[in-house]
Amino acid sequence: MTRISILVTLALLTATLARAEVYSYNCQGHTVQLDVVAKTISWSGHVFSNAHQIEGCRYQVRAVDKDGSTATLCTPTQGYASLDIKASMARLHLECNQ
C-alpha cells in the first residue's frame, strides 16, 4: 500500500512541477504563455512549437508556428518581456508585463 501512495505522490508532484513552468505575460491586452515543458509559445490562438533558447536577452526563446511564422519572446528582466511575431509579410512587436 505504501508503494502505491508513493507513486501517486510522485505523479502529483510531477504534474504540479510541470504546471509551474508555464509563464504568462500580458502583452498590450493579449495573453502570451511560454510553456517550458511543452516547448511552446501561445498567443492569440496560435501555438508556436519547438521553443528553444537563443542568444540575445537574458532569456530569449524562439518558436515556429505550423505556417512558418515565428514568435520570439525576450525577457531582459523579471516581470518584463517583449514579443516579436514574424509572418510572411508582416511583423508585430508587443511590450509585455508579467
N, C-alpha and C. Protein backbone atom coordinates (compact mmCIF):
# COMPACT_ATOMS: atom_id res chain seq x y z
N MET A 1 0.81 -1.18 0.00
CA MET A 1 0.00 0.00 0.00
C MET A 1 0.86 1.26 0.00
N THR A 2 1.96 1.24 0.73
CA THR A 2 2.81 2.42 0.76
C THR A 2 3.47 2.68 -0.59
N ARG A 3 3.75 1.63 -1.32
CA ARG A 3 4.35 1.82 -2.65
C ARG A 3 3.39 2.56 -3.57
N ILE A 4 2.11 2.23 -3.51
CA ILE A 4 1.10 2.90 -4.33
C ILE A 4 0.98 4.37 -3.92
N SER A 5 0.96 4.63 -2.63
CA SER A 5 0.84 6.03 -2.18
C SER A 5 2.07 6.84 -2.58
N ILE A 6 3.24 6.24 -2.57
CA ILE A 6 4.45 6.93 -3.02
C ILE A 6 4.36 7.24 -4.50
N LEU A 7 3.91 6.29 -5.31
CA LEU A 7 3.77 6.51 -6.75
C LEU A 7 2.74 7.61 -7.05
N VAL A 8 1.64 7.61 -6.31
CA VAL A 8 0.62 8.65 -6.51
C VAL A 8 1.19 10.01 -6.12
N THR A 9 1.91 10.08 -5.02
CA THR A 9 2.52 11.33 -4.59
C THR A 9 3.51 11.84 -5.63
N LEU A 10 4.34 10.96 -6.16
CA LEU A 10 5.30 11.36 -7.19
C LEU A 10 4.59 11.84 -8.45
N ALA A 11 3.52 11.17 -8.84
CA ALA A 11 2.76 11.59 -10.02
C ALA A 11 2.16 12.97 -9.82
N LEU A 12 1.59 13.23 -8.65
CA LEU A 12 1.01 14.54 -8.36
C LEU A 12 2.09 15.62 -8.31
N LEU A 13 3.21 15.30 -7.72
CA LEU A 13 4.32 16.25 -7.66
C LEU A 13 4.83 16.59 -9.05
N THR A 14 4.96 15.59 -9.91
CA THR A 14 5.41 15.82 -11.28
C THR A 14 4.42 16.70 -12.03
N ALA A 15 3.14 16.45 -11.88
CA ALA A 15 2.13 17.28 -12.55
C ALA A 15 2.17 18.70 -12.04
N THR A 16 2.39 18.89 -10.74
CA THR A 16 2.47 20.23 -10.17
C THR A 16 3.70 20.96 -10.69
N LEU A 17 4.82 20.29 -10.76
CA LEU A 17 6.04 20.91 -11.27
C LEU A 17 5.90 21.28 -12.73
N ALA A 18 5.24 20.45 -13.51
CA ALA A 18 5.07 20.75 -14.94
C ALA A 18 4.23 22.01 -15.12
N ARG A 19 3.18 22.18 -14.32
CA ARG A 19 2.34 23.37 -14.42
C ARG A 19 3.10 24.61 -13.99
N ALA A 20 4.08 24.47 -13.12
CA ALA A 20 4.83 25.61 -12.60
C ALA A 20 5.74 26.21 -13.66
N GLU A 21 5.93 25.53 -14.77
CA GLU A 21 6.83 26.03 -15.80
C GLU A 21 6.09 26.66 -16.97
N VAL A 22 4.90 27.20 -16.71
CA VAL A 22 4.17 27.98 -17.70
C VAL A 22 4.18 29.41 -17.23
N TYR A 23 4.77 30.29 -18.01
CA TYR A 23 4.88 31.69 -17.66
C TYR A 23 3.93 32.50 -18.53
N SER A 24 3.12 33.33 -17.89
CA SER A 24 2.14 34.14 -18.61
C SER A 24 2.54 35.61 -18.59
N TYR A 25 2.33 36.27 -19.70
CA TYR A 25 2.62 37.69 -19.84
C TYR A 25 1.41 38.38 -20.44
N ASN A 26 1.18 39.63 -20.05
CA ASN A 26 0.14 40.45 -20.64
C ASN A 26 0.84 41.38 -21.64
N CYS A 27 0.58 41.15 -22.91
CA CYS A 27 1.23 41.92 -23.97
C CYS A 27 0.19 42.81 -24.64
N GLN A 28 0.05 44.01 -24.13
CA GLN A 28 -0.87 45.01 -24.68
C GLN A 28 -2.27 44.42 -24.90
N GLY A 29 -2.80 43.79 -23.84
CA GLY A 29 -4.15 43.25 -23.90
C GLY A 29 -4.24 41.82 -24.39
N HIS A 30 -3.14 41.24 -24.81
CA HIS A 30 -3.10 39.85 -25.27
C HIS A 30 -2.31 39.02 -24.27
N THR A 31 -2.79 37.82 -23.96
CA THR A 31 -2.06 36.93 -23.08
C THR A 31 -1.11 36.07 -23.89
N VAL A 32 0.13 36.03 -23.46
CA VAL A 32 1.15 35.20 -24.09
C VAL A 32 1.62 34.21 -23.03
N GLN A 33 1.71 32.95 -23.40
CA GLN A 33 2.18 31.93 -22.47
C GLN A 33 3.39 31.21 -23.04
N LEU A 34 4.41 31.10 -22.20
CA LEU A 34 5.58 30.30 -22.52
C LEU A 34 5.51 29.05 -21.68
N ASP A 35 5.38 27.89 -22.33
CA ASP A 35 5.34 26.60 -21.63
C ASP A 35 6.70 25.94 -21.84
N VAL A 36 7.49 25.94 -20.79
CA VAL A 36 8.86 25.42 -20.87
C VAL A 36 8.86 23.92 -21.08
N VAL A 37 7.92 23.21 -20.46
CA VAL A 37 7.86 21.75 -20.57
C VAL A 37 7.43 21.33 -21.97
N ALA A 38 6.35 21.94 -22.48
CA ALA A 38 5.83 21.59 -23.82
C ALA A 38 6.63 22.28 -24.93
N LYS A 39 7.50 23.22 -24.56
CA LYS A 39 8.31 23.98 -25.50
C LYS A 39 7.45 24.73 -26.52
N THR A 40 6.47 25.50 -26.00
CA THR A 40 5.58 26.27 -26.87
C THR A 40 5.44 27.71 -26.38
N ILE A 41 5.13 28.59 -27.32
CA ILE A 41 4.71 29.95 -27.04
C ILE A 41 3.32 30.07 -27.63
N SER A 42 2.34 30.47 -26.80
CA SER A 42 0.96 30.61 -27.26
C SER A 42 0.57 32.09 -27.25
N TRP A 43 -0.07 32.53 -28.33
CA TRP A 43 -0.50 33.91 -28.44
C TRP A 43 -1.69 33.99 -29.39
N SER A 44 -2.77 34.56 -28.95
CA SER A 44 -3.93 34.87 -29.78
C SER A 44 -4.38 33.69 -30.65
N GLY A 45 -4.48 32.51 -30.04
CA GLY A 45 -4.94 31.34 -30.77
C GLY A 45 -3.88 30.60 -31.57
N HIS A 46 -2.70 31.14 -31.63
CA HIS A 46 -1.59 30.49 -32.35
C HIS A 46 -0.69 29.80 -31.33
N VAL A 47 -0.26 28.61 -31.66
CA VAL A 47 0.68 27.89 -30.82
C VAL A 47 1.96 27.69 -31.63
N PHE A 48 3.01 28.33 -31.17
CA PHE A 48 4.32 28.21 -31.81
C PHE A 48 5.08 27.11 -31.07
N SER A 49 5.56 26.13 -31.80
CA SER A 49 6.17 24.97 -31.17
C SER A 49 7.69 24.97 -31.32
N ASN A 50 8.32 23.98 -30.71
CA ASN A 50 9.77 23.80 -30.73
C ASN A 50 10.48 25.03 -30.18
N ALA A 51 9.97 25.59 -29.09
CA ALA A 51 10.60 26.75 -28.46
C ALA A 51 11.97 26.35 -27.93
N HIS A 52 12.94 27.17 -28.26
CA HIS A 52 14.30 26.90 -27.81
C HIS A 52 15.00 28.21 -27.51
N GLN A 53 15.91 28.16 -26.57
CA GLN A 53 16.61 29.37 -26.15
C GLN A 53 17.61 29.77 -27.23
N ILE A 54 17.67 31.09 -27.47
CA ILE A 54 18.62 31.63 -28.44
C ILE A 54 19.41 32.74 -27.79
N GLU A 55 20.46 33.18 -28.45
CA GLU A 55 21.29 34.28 -27.94
C GLU A 55 20.50 35.58 -28.01
N GLY A 56 20.79 36.47 -27.09
CA GLY A 56 20.14 37.78 -27.12
C GLY A 56 19.92 38.29 -25.72
N CYS A 57 18.67 38.38 -25.33
CA CYS A 57 18.31 38.89 -23.99
C CYS A 57 18.84 37.95 -22.92
N ARG A 58 18.55 38.32 -21.68
CA ARG A 58 18.92 37.43 -20.57
C ARG A 58 18.33 36.05 -20.78
N TYR A 59 17.07 36.01 -21.21
CA TYR A 59 16.41 34.75 -21.56
C TYR A 59 15.56 35.02 -22.79
N GLN A 60 15.91 34.43 -23.88
CA GLN A 60 15.19 34.65 -25.15
C GLN A 60 14.87 33.31 -25.78
N VAL A 61 13.60 33.18 -26.21
CA VAL A 61 13.12 31.91 -26.76
C VAL A 61 12.48 32.18 -28.11
N ARG A 62 12.73 31.30 -29.07
CA ARG A 62 12.10 31.40 -30.39
C ARG A 62 11.36 30.10 -30.68
N ALA A 63 10.16 30.23 -31.28
CA ALA A 63 9.36 29.07 -31.65
C ALA A 63 8.72 29.32 -33.00
N VAL A 64 8.24 28.24 -33.66
CA VAL A 64 7.71 28.32 -35.02
C VAL A 64 6.27 27.81 -35.05
N ASP A 65 5.39 28.54 -35.78
CA ASP A 65 4.01 28.11 -35.98
C ASP A 65 3.97 27.16 -37.17
N LYS A 66 2.87 26.43 -37.31
CA LYS A 66 2.75 25.46 -38.41
C LYS A 66 2.78 26.13 -39.78
N ASP A 67 2.46 27.45 -39.85
CA ASP A 67 2.50 28.15 -41.12
C ASP A 67 3.87 28.76 -41.41
N GLY A 68 4.83 28.52 -40.53
CA GLY A 68 6.19 29.01 -40.74
C GLY A 68 6.49 30.33 -40.07
N SER A 69 5.50 31.01 -39.50
CA SER A 69 5.77 32.26 -38.80
C SER A 69 6.48 31.96 -37.48
N THR A 70 7.22 32.94 -36.99
CA THR A 70 8.00 32.73 -35.77
C THR A 70 7.56 33.69 -34.67
N ALA A 71 7.73 33.25 -33.44
CA ALA A 71 7.50 34.08 -32.26
C ALA A 71 8.79 34.09 -31.45
N THR A 72 9.24 35.28 -31.08
CA THR A 72 10.43 35.41 -30.26
C THR A 72 10.04 36.17 -29.00
N LEU A 73 10.26 35.54 -27.85
CA LEU A 73 9.94 36.14 -26.57
C LEU A 73 11.25 36.45 -25.86
N CYS A 74 11.44 37.72 -25.53
CA CYS A 74 12.67 38.19 -24.89
C CYS A 74 12.34 38.68 -23.50
N THR A 75 13.04 38.18 -22.48
CA THR A 75 12.81 38.61 -21.10
C THR A 75 14.12 39.14 -20.52
N PRO A 76 14.38 40.44 -20.69
CA PRO A 76 15.64 41.00 -20.18
C PRO A 76 15.67 41.15 -18.66
N THR A 77 14.50 41.36 -18.03
CA THR A 77 14.41 41.45 -16.57
C THR A 77 13.17 40.70 -16.12
N GLN A 78 13.13 40.35 -14.86
CA GLN A 78 11.99 39.62 -14.32
C GLN A 78 10.74 40.51 -14.37
N GLY A 79 9.64 39.95 -14.89
CA GLY A 79 8.38 40.67 -14.94
C GLY A 79 8.16 41.46 -16.20
N TYR A 80 9.13 41.54 -17.08
CA TYR A 80 9.01 42.28 -18.33
C TYR A 80 9.43 41.39 -19.48
N ALA A 81 8.78 41.55 -20.62
CA ALA A 81 9.17 40.80 -21.82
C ALA A 81 8.73 41.57 -23.05
N SER A 82 9.25 41.18 -24.18
CA SER A 82 8.76 41.68 -25.45
C SER A 82 8.53 40.48 -26.36
N LEU A 83 7.51 40.60 -27.19
CA LEU A 83 7.15 39.52 -28.10
C LEU A 83 7.23 40.05 -29.51
N ASP A 84 7.95 39.34 -30.37
CA ASP A 84 8.04 39.68 -31.79
C ASP A 84 7.49 38.52 -32.60
N ILE A 85 6.48 38.81 -33.42
CA ILE A 85 5.89 37.82 -34.31
C ILE A 85 6.29 38.19 -35.73
N LYS A 86 6.83 37.24 -36.46
CA LYS A 86 7.20 37.47 -37.86
C LYS A 86 6.46 36.46 -38.72
N ALA A 87 5.56 36.98 -39.56
CA ALA A 87 4.85 36.15 -40.53
C ALA A 87 5.43 36.47 -41.90
N SER A 88 4.88 35.89 -42.94
CA SER A 88 5.44 36.03 -44.28
C SER A 88 5.69 37.49 -44.68
N MET A 89 4.69 38.35 -44.53
CA MET A 89 4.85 39.74 -44.95
C MET A 89 4.63 40.73 -43.81
N ALA A 90 4.41 40.26 -42.61
CA ALA A 90 4.07 41.17 -41.51
C ALA A 90 4.96 40.92 -40.29
N ARG A 91 5.13 41.98 -39.52
CA ARG A 91 5.85 41.90 -38.27
C ARG A 91 5.04 42.59 -37.19
N LEU A 92 5.09 42.05 -35.99
CA LEU A 92 4.37 42.60 -34.86
C LEU A 92 5.29 42.61 -33.67
N HIS A 93 5.34 43.73 -32.96
CA HIS A 93 6.16 43.86 -31.75
C HIS A 93 5.25 44.29 -30.61
N LEU A 94 5.25 43.54 -29.50
CA LEU A 94 4.43 43.85 -28.34
C LEU A 94 5.29 43.94 -27.09
N GLU A 95 5.03 44.93 -26.25
CA GLU A 95 5.68 45.05 -24.95
C GLU A 95 4.81 44.32 -23.94
N CYS A 96 5.41 43.60 -23.00
CA CYS A 96 4.66 42.73 -22.10
C CYS A 96 5.08 42.93 -20.64
N ASN A 97 4.13 42.64 -19.75
CA ASN A 97 4.38 42.60 -18.30
C ASN A 97 3.90 41.26 -17.78
N GLN A 98 4.53 40.80 -16.73
CA GLN A 98 4.12 39.52 -16.17
C GLN A 98 3.04 39.71 -15.14
